[in-house]
Each structure stands twice: as structure tokens, then as C-alpha cells.
Protein backbone atom coordinates (compact mmCIF):
# COMPACT_ATOMS: atom_id res chain seq x y z
CA UNK A 1 182.29 97.49 143.88
CA UNK A 2 181.49 99.65 141.34
CA UNK A 3 178.78 101.99 142.46
CA UNK A 4 176.95 104.93 140.82
CA UNK A 5 174.01 106.91 142.35
CA UNK A 6 171.86 109.41 140.39
CA UNK A 7 168.92 110.57 142.69
CA UNK A 8 166.54 107.23 142.72
CA UNK A 9 168.44 105.41 140.67
CA UNK A 10 171.51 103.48 141.31
CA UNK A 11 174.16 101.42 139.29
CA UNK A 12 176.33 98.31 140.91
CA UNK A 13 178.64 95.91 140.16
CA UNK A 14 176.26 92.68 140.13
CA UNK A 15 176.56 90.50 143.47
CA UNK A 16 174.23 87.89 144.73
CA UNK A 17 171.99 89.89 146.73
CA UNK A 18 170.49 91.32 143.67
CA UNK A 19 168.59 88.04 142.56
CA UNK A 20 166.05 88.52 145.21
CA UNK A 21 164.97 91.97 143.41
CA UNK A 22 163.99 89.88 140.16
CA UNK A 23 160.46 90.42 139.58
CA UNK A 24 157.79 88.22 137.63
CA UNK A 25 158.14 85.43 135.32
CA UNK A 26 159.98 87.45 132.69
CA UNK A 27 162.84 88.74 135.10
CA UNK A 28 163.06 84.88 137.05
CA UNK A 29 164.05 83.76 133.35
CA UNK A 30 167.26 85.35 133.62
CA UNK A 31 168.11 83.96 136.93
CA UNK A 32 170.38 81.11 135.68
CA UNK A 33 172.03 83.78 133.04
CA UNK A 34 173.03 86.08 135.99
CA UNK A 35 174.35 83.36 138.54
CA UNK A 36 176.82 82.84 135.69
CA UNK A 37 177.88 86.18 134.98
CA UNK A 38 178.36 86.86 138.90
CA UNK A 39 180.67 83.78 138.66
CA UNK A 40 182.31 85.35 136.14
CA UNK A 41 182.46 88.76 137.69
CA UNK A 42 184.70 87.24 140.45
CA UNK A 43 186.94 85.79 137.94
CA UNK A 44 187.52 89.29 136.20
CA UNK A 45 188.47 90.40 139.45
CA UNK A 46 191.03 87.88 139.85
CA UNK A 47 192.02 88.72 136.11
CA UNK A 48 192.46 92.73 137.28
CA UNK A 49 194.64 91.93 140.35
CA UNK A 50 196.83 89.67 138.77
CA UNK A 51 197.34 91.16 134.85
CA UNK A 52 200.76 89.34 135.08
CA UNK A 53 199.53 86.04 135.38
CA UNK A 54 196.23 86.21 133.92
CA UNK A 55 195.19 87.45 130.71
CA UNK A 56 191.68 89.47 130.74
CA UNK A 57 189.22 87.09 129.26
CA UNK A 58 185.98 87.34 131.63
CA UNK A 59 183.30 90.37 131.20
CA UNK A 60 181.62 91.94 134.13
CA UNK A 61 178.25 92.66 135.05
CA UNK A 62 176.81 96.15 136.08
CA UNK A 63 173.24 96.18 137.07
CA UNK A 64 170.56 99.49 137.66
CA UNK A 65 168.67 99.25 140.70
CA UNK A 66 165.71 101.68 141.33
CA UNK A 67 163.22 101.13 144.70
CA UNK A 68 164.90 97.92 145.24
CA UNK A 69 164.05 96.63 141.39
CA UNK A 70 166.38 95.56 139.12
CA UNK A 71 165.72 97.68 135.78
CA UNK A 72 168.29 97.09 133.39
CA UNK A 73 171.90 95.55 133.38
CA UNK A 74 175.08 96.11 131.28
CA UNK A 75 177.90 93.85 130.01
CA UNK A 76 181.63 94.79 129.31
CA UNK A 77 184.09 92.82 128.33
CA UNK A 78 187.91 92.70 127.50
CA UNK A 79 188.88 93.53 123.93
CA UNK A 80 192.28 91.97 123.93
CA UNK A 81 194.02 89.92 126.10
CA UNK A 82 196.34 92.40 127.98
CA UNK A 83 192.84 94.50 129.37
CA UNK A 84 194.06 97.38 127.92
CA UNK A 85 190.94 97.99 125.74
CA UNK A 86 187.30 96.49 126.90
CA UNK A 87 183.93 96.12 125.06
CA UNK A 88 180.84 97.92 126.16
CA UNK A 89 177.48 96.09 124.98
CA UNK A 90 174.37 97.75 124.56
CA UNK A 91 172.49 98.37 127.86
CA UNK A 92 169.68 96.04 128.40
CA UNK A 93 166.33 97.28 130.13
CA UNK A 94 164.53 94.65 131.59
CA UNK A 95 161.31 96.22 132.98
CA UNK A 96 159.37 99.22 131.78
CA UNK A 97 157.91 100.38 135.20
CA UNK A 98 160.19 103.18 136.04
CA UNK A 99 160.45 106.45 137.05
CA UNK A 100 163.92 107.16 135.00
CA UNK A 101 163.58 107.33 131.09
CA UNK A 102 165.33 104.71 129.06
CA UNK A 103 167.57 107.47 127.93
CA UNK A 104 168.93 108.70 131.53
CA UNK A 105 169.20 104.92 132.81
CA UNK A 106 171.39 103.97 129.58
CA UNK A 107 173.64 106.94 130.16
CA UNK A 108 174.37 105.79 133.62
CA UNK A 109 174.92 102.50 132.96
CA UNK A 110 177.56 103.22 129.89
CA UNK A 111 179.00 105.79 132.18
CA UNK A 112 179.46 103.25 134.94
CA UNK A 113 181.05 100.62 132.77
CA UNK A 114 184.02 103.14 132.02
CA UNK A 115 185.84 102.26 134.70
CA UNK A 116 188.94 104.14 135.32
CA UNK A 117 190.12 102.83 138.28
CA UNK A 118 191.89 99.76 136.14
CA UNK A 119 195.46 101.43 135.42
CA UNK A 120 195.66 98.55 132.73
CA UNK A 121 192.68 99.86 131.00
CA UNK A 122 193.35 102.61 128.10
CA UNK A 123 190.28 102.64 125.76
CA UNK A 124 186.87 101.28 124.82
CA UNK A 125 184.63 100.30 122.02
CA UNK A 126 181.02 100.02 121.66
CA UNK A 127 178.62 98.81 119.24
CA UNK A 128 175.45 100.17 118.12
CA UNK A 129 172.87 100.04 115.72
CA UNK A 130 173.28 102.88 112.96
CA UNK A 131 169.77 103.42 113.27
CA UNK A 132 169.74 104.08 117.08
CA UNK A 133 170.15 107.45 117.23
CA UNK A 134 169.30 107.82 121.25
CA UNK A 135 172.23 105.20 121.69
CA UNK A 136 174.78 106.80 119.04
CA UNK A 137 173.96 110.58 120.77
CA UNK A 138 174.70 109.07 124.49
CA UNK A 139 177.83 107.58 123.30
CA UNK A 140 179.19 110.67 121.56
CA UNK A 141 178.10 112.71 124.51
CA UNK A 142 180.54 110.39 126.79
CA UNK A 143 183.66 110.67 124.24
CA UNK A 144 183.04 108.18 121.69
CA UNK A 145 183.92 108.70 118.36
CA UNK A 146 182.64 106.34 114.91
CA UNK A 147 185.44 104.42 113.76
CA UNK A 148 183.97 101.77 111.45
CA UNK A 149 180.88 101.15 109.25
CA UNK A 150 179.59 97.15 109.82
CA UNK A 151 177.26 95.45 107.20
CA UNK A 152 175.39 92.61 108.62
CA UNK A 153 174.39 89.53 106.53
CA UNK A 154 171.89 86.55 106.57
CA UNK A 155 171.84 83.31 104.67
CA UNK A 156 169.87 83.16 101.24
CA UNK A 157 166.17 82.06 101.89
CA UNK A 158 167.07 78.56 99.78
CA UNK A 159 169.81 77.67 102.04
CA UNK A 160 171.00 73.85 101.96
CA UNK A 161 170.46 73.63 105.67
CA UNK A 162 166.88 73.11 104.51
CA UNK A 163 167.50 70.37 102.16
CA UNK A 164 169.93 68.68 104.85
CA UNK A 165 172.54 68.57 102.82
CA UNK A 166 176.00 67.98 104.34
CA UNK A 167 178.74 70.15 102.41
CA UNK A 168 182.32 69.22 102.59
CA UNK A 169 184.68 72.50 101.86
CA UNK A 170 186.43 71.56 98.37
CA UNK A 171 188.94 73.57 97.67
CA UNK A 172 191.54 74.66 94.72
CA UNK A 173 194.94 72.72 95.81
CA UNK A 174 196.79 75.86 96.69
CA UNK A 175 193.97 77.14 99.02
CA UNK A 176 193.34 75.70 102.45
CA UNK A 177 190.59 76.31 105.41
CA UNK A 178 191.92 75.83 108.55
CA UNK A 179 190.86 76.87 112.08
CA UNK A 180 192.67 79.74 114.03
CA UNK A 181 195.39 78.38 116.05
CA UNK A 182 198.90 79.67 117.03
CA UNK A 183 199.95 79.69 113.53
CA UNK A 184 197.17 80.54 111.86
CA UNK A 185 196.52 83.42 114.02
CA UNK A 186 199.74 84.82 113.05
CA UNK A 187 198.74 84.57 109.06
CA UNK A 188 195.53 86.11 109.90
CA UNK A 189 196.63 89.06 111.89
CA UNK A 190 197.82 91.63 109.23
CA UNK A 191 194.18 90.99 107.38
CA UNK A 192 192.63 92.18 110.87
CA UNK A 193 195.07 95.30 110.85
CA UNK A 194 194.50 96.17 107.30
CA UNK A 195 190.75 96.70 108.08
CA UNK A 196 191.30 98.94 110.64
CA UNK A 197 192.27 102.55 110.57
CA UNK A 198 195.49 103.56 112.52
CA UNK A 199 193.66 105.69 115.13
CA UNK A 200 191.29 101.90 115.41
CA UNK A 201 194.37 99.76 115.79
CA UNK A 202 195.51 102.30 118.38
CA UNK A 203 192.55 102.29 120.20
CA UNK A 204 191.92 98.31 120.47
CA UNK A 205 195.47 98.04 120.91
CA UNK A 206 195.24 93.87 119.74
CA UNK A 207 198.19 91.55 119.01
CA UNK A 208 198.21 88.38 116.91
CA UNK A 209 197.36 86.20 120.17
CA UNK A 210 194.07 88.33 120.68
CA UNK A 211 192.13 86.04 117.75
CA UNK A 212 192.72 83.09 119.81
CA UNK A 213 189.93 84.29 121.60
CA UNK A 214 187.59 84.69 118.56
CA UNK A 215 187.78 80.94 117.65
CA UNK A 216 184.01 79.83 117.93
CA UNK A 217 182.41 77.73 115.57
CA UNK A 218 182.69 78.90 112.04
CA UNK A 219 185.61 80.77 112.56
CA UNK A 220 189.03 80.14 110.39
CA UNK A 221 191.53 81.38 107.94
CA UNK A 222 191.74 80.83 104.37
CA UNK A 223 195.56 79.99 103.58
CA UNK A 224 197.32 80.24 99.71
CA UNK A 225 199.90 77.90 100.29
CA UNK A 226 202.50 78.37 97.50
CA UNK A 227 205.83 76.02 98.44
CA UNK A 228 206.85 76.24 101.69
CA UNK A 229 205.19 79.60 102.67
CA UNK A 230 201.66 79.80 103.24
CA UNK A 231 199.76 83.59 103.09
CA UNK A 232 196.15 84.58 104.65
CA UNK A 233 193.81 85.74 102.07
CA UNK A 234 190.52 85.93 104.07
CA UNK A 235 189.18 84.79 107.33
CA UNK A 236 186.22 84.81 109.61
CA UNK A 237 186.47 85.89 113.17
CA UNK A 238 183.71 85.87 115.72
CA UNK A 239 182.51 88.88 117.25
CA UNK A 240 179.62 89.65 119.48
CA UNK A 241 177.06 92.08 118.57
CA UNK A 242 175.28 94.73 119.72
CA UNK A 243 172.59 92.01 120.66
CA UNK A 244 175.11 89.80 122.46
CA UNK A 245 174.89 87.51 119.46
CA UNK A 246 177.72 85.86 118.15
CA UNK A 247 178.30 86.97 114.50
CA UNK A 248 181.51 86.42 112.01
CA UNK A 249 182.96 88.93 110.68
CA UNK A 250 184.24 88.41 107.42
CA UNK A 251 187.73 89.98 106.66
CA UNK A 252 190.03 89.84 103.61
CA UNK A 253 193.43 91.44 102.44
CA UNK A 254 193.75 94.55 100.28
CA UNK A 255 194.10 92.91 97.44
CA UNK A 256 191.22 91.12 95.93
CA UNK A 257 191.75 87.46 94.86
CA UNK A 258 190.22 86.19 91.97
CA UNK A 259 189.49 82.70 93.68
CA UNK A 260 187.84 84.54 96.56
CA UNK A 261 184.08 84.12 95.47
CA UNK A 262 184.22 79.86 94.28
CA UNK A 263 186.39 79.64 97.72
CA UNK A 264 183.81 81.60 100.02
CA UNK A 265 180.71 80.16 98.33
CA UNK A 266 182.18 77.04 99.55
CA UNK A 267 182.92 77.59 103.31
CA UNK A 268 179.48 79.74 103.44
CA UNK A 269 177.84 76.81 102.36
CA UNK A 270 179.76 74.73 105.12
CA UNK A 271 178.67 77.13 107.77
CA UNK A 272 174.93 77.07 107.27
CA UNK A 273 174.73 73.50 107.71
CA UNK A 274 176.74 74.01 111.18
CA UNK A 275 175.32 77.10 112.29
CA UNK A 276 172.03 78.12 113.40
CA UNK A 277 170.54 81.14 112.13
CA UNK A 278 174.53 82.66 111.19
CA UNK A 279 175.04 86.35 110.59
CA UNK A 280 178.07 87.60 108.43
CA UNK A 281 179.71 91.17 109.02
CA UNK A 282 181.95 93.16 106.62
CA UNK A 283 182.95 96.20 106.23
CA UNK A 284 180.06 98.63 104.84
CA UNK A 285 182.85 100.04 102.51
CA UNK A 286 183.94 96.97 101.25
CA UNK A 287 181.58 97.04 98.20
CA UNK A 288 183.69 93.98 95.98
CA UNK A 289 183.11 91.63 99.12
CA UNK A 290 179.70 93.09 99.74
CA UNK A 291 178.60 92.72 95.62
CA UNK A 292 179.92 89.41 96.46
CA UNK A 293 177.67 87.94 98.90
CA UNK A 294 174.77 89.76 97.23
CA UNK A 295 175.93 87.60 94.35
CA UNK A 296 175.93 84.34 96.57
CA UNK A 297 172.21 85.04 97.92
CA UNK A 298 172.55 86.55 101.18
CA UNK A 299 170.78 89.49 102.58
CA UNK A 300 171.34 92.51 104.04
CA UNK A 301 170.14 92.27 107.56
CA UNK A 302 171.41 95.88 109.63
CA UNK A 303 174.13 98.21 109.63
CA UNK A 304 176.55 98.92 112.98
CA UNK A 305 178.34 101.85 113.79
CA UNK A 306 181.56 100.99 115.92
CA UNK A 307 182.99 103.77 118.12
CA UNK A 308 186.00 103.88 120.38
CA UNK A 309 186.73 106.19 122.80
CA UNK A 310 190.51 106.73 124.37
CA UNK A 311 192.28 108.09 127.32
CA UNK A 312 194.61 110.90 126.49
CA UNK A 313 197.74 111.97 128.31
CA UNK A 314 199.27 115.07 127.55
CA UNK A 315 202.18 116.72 128.93
CA UNK A 316 201.61 120.37 130.10
CA UNK A 317 205.47 120.97 129.77
CA UNK A 318 207.28 120.09 127.35
CA UNK A 319 211.29 118.80 129.11
CA UNK A 320 214.45 120.01 127.59
CA UNK A 321 216.63 117.61 126.75
CA UNK A 322 219.49 117.76 129.40
CA UNK A 323 222.69 119.84 127.67
CA UNK A 324 220.48 121.94 125.61
CA UNK A 325 219.54 125.61 125.99
CA UNK A 326 216.53 127.33 124.19
CA UNK A 327 216.85 128.71 120.84
CA UNK A 328 216.52 132.66 122.20
CA UNK A 329 219.37 132.28 124.53
CA UNK A 330 221.54 130.90 121.65
CA UNK A 331 220.77 133.65 119.13
CA UNK A 332 220.97 136.32 122.02
CA UNK A 333 224.92 136.71 121.46
CA UNK A 334 224.31 137.57 117.62
CA UNK A 335 221.93 140.22 118.64
CA UNK A 336 223.64 143.88 117.43
CA UNK A 337 224.71 146.01 120.40
CA UNK A 338 224.87 149.12 118.33
CA UNK A 339 223.40 150.74 115.17
CA UNK A 340 224.99 149.19 111.91
CA UNK A 341 227.19 151.17 109.65
CA UNK A 342 226.46 152.45 106.56
CA UNK A 343 227.66 150.39 104.05
CA UNK A 344 230.43 151.83 101.45
CA UNK A 345 229.55 153.24 98.17
CA UNK A 346 231.50 152.23 95.62
CA UNK A 347 230.31 154.77 92.72
CA UNK A 348 232.25 158.06 91.68
CA UNK A 349 232.31 160.76 94.24
């Protein structure tokens, strides 16, 4: 059990005894969801103890308790199948009648979610609204660093869904829109890596197979099929934003493809039809892609910051390679043992 206590507030891993601490009709609505989270907590424990057999997929839930009352909770889940990196969600308060400040509760929840007992776990990521200075401040105090800014988009006001139209995806013959599978994930993975800095790639520690966990409705890969070779030029990958809602992150290759505007217009129209209030994320610094979405009528909604934290292990002593000697000992024999003799003069005497 994960348990952290700070005075009258304590943080524990969710268990069945916590259900009786729910108060009022508003909190009672959380009961079915918390029961599901409890089951997933149990599976997550099995994944933790059998890392070689079970890939890390299940989230864990921690709750904050004050005077036998459930006041808040937080969700953490694996960011890759090996469980070396976990994503921590925003702490969620479920009551305002507490003796602790919201900052104090949030800090205790995030600190408890940084589970250092798992030998596999080496890093964490945390998504937060860019305008939430309190939450960003807490994350920075706990060692998180901002690594990437994300721009969120909502569909156009006059969407095809309002007209109940069924949109088929018609693309040029050389382009194809496919679901994320074991084959297409290998092609999409370089695009995901290209959109991350070297530090971020090190923290998330992802492989191509991790993309299979991001294959919710609307996800897919835009392929350029030239002869027998296929190349990914863009893709939509499902993520979880700071509000636990599923979003689709739009990623693309480094080089701009002139066919992208027409292809994305058809693909995004289809997503509007099949999804309920879809949300698209892009890298804030990708001006070309953001201008394209604006031209298609998509609206900027918010901006989020992706922060990361790693466990760095540094050796206090650098071991010498066996069979080598220090530089000083090697040069010691070259040091003169007596004052140097004067140089002879070749001039006339």
C-alpha cells in the first residue's frame, strides 16, 4: 500500500474501504468509476510484480483522506509498456469543505504518485494547463521541467456533424489512411520521435510497440505508397489530456508535404462525424500545421505544458580502466631531477 501522511491529511492507494467515505449525491456518482479503478489497481499490482510477463497498461488511483472523508484523488498510468515512464494526471478535488488548502492537497497527491519503490520506474510526465500557475509551480518544486507546449483545437462551429453527413475518406491514389497496427506503428514511430526533443525522448523511453496503446477511435496513419515502399507523412495518436479526456495528437514529418492540407481536411471531417466533441492537439511551435487548422475552421481552445522528471544516477567515482595508470604517474619520470644546463652559445667569443 502506498501511504503518505501529513498531519490530518493522508494519501492512500485506493481500496474497497474508501467507498464508504463518499458523502452526498455528487460524490456517490463516482462510485461506479472508483470500483472500476479498484479492479484496475489490482491488475496494476500484478503487472508490477511480473514485468517480464505482463506489459504495463493499467493505471493506479490514489486518494486523499481528511477526517474520514474522501477529499481528492489522482490517477497515474504507464506511458510505455515496459513501465519505465508513467504519466501523472491532475489531482482532482471532490469536496471544498476541508481544513487543507488545495495546493497542499495537490502537492501531497503528486508526491505520493511519484512511486520510487518500483525498480522499473525511471521517469514521469505530467500535463498541465499553461494558465494553471499553481499546478505548474507545484510540479516545478517536485523536480519537473517543462519539455513541450501543446495547442488544443476544437471543431469548426459549422461542422459536418450538424448536417448529419457521412464523410468518406477520398485521398489521392498514392496516399492511404490506415489504422495503427503492428505494421503501421513501425512507420509512424519516427514521426513521433521527430516531434520530441532528445531530453523528452529519453524521459518517455518509448518504442514503436507503445503506439498500439494509443489506438482509440480516430487514430490512424497517413501513408505515402510509392511502389513497394510505404512512408508515413502524418498521423493521429490518442492521448489523455489534463482533464482525463481523450484527445488526438496530430503529428507529422519534419519536411512539409504539399498534399497534407487536402488530405487532412478529409480526414478531420470524418473524425468530426464519428467522434463526440473531438479535440485535436498540435505542437505549439508548429506554425505551418497550426495555420492549416485555422484555415480549415478549427478553433484554438487552450494550451497545455508537458513536463517531465527523471531519476539521474551519477557515479561519485569514475573507475579507472583496468591496466591503466593515472597521467601524473606516467609523466612523473619525465620531470627533471636537477636544474637544466645552460644552452651553448654559437656566437663569437
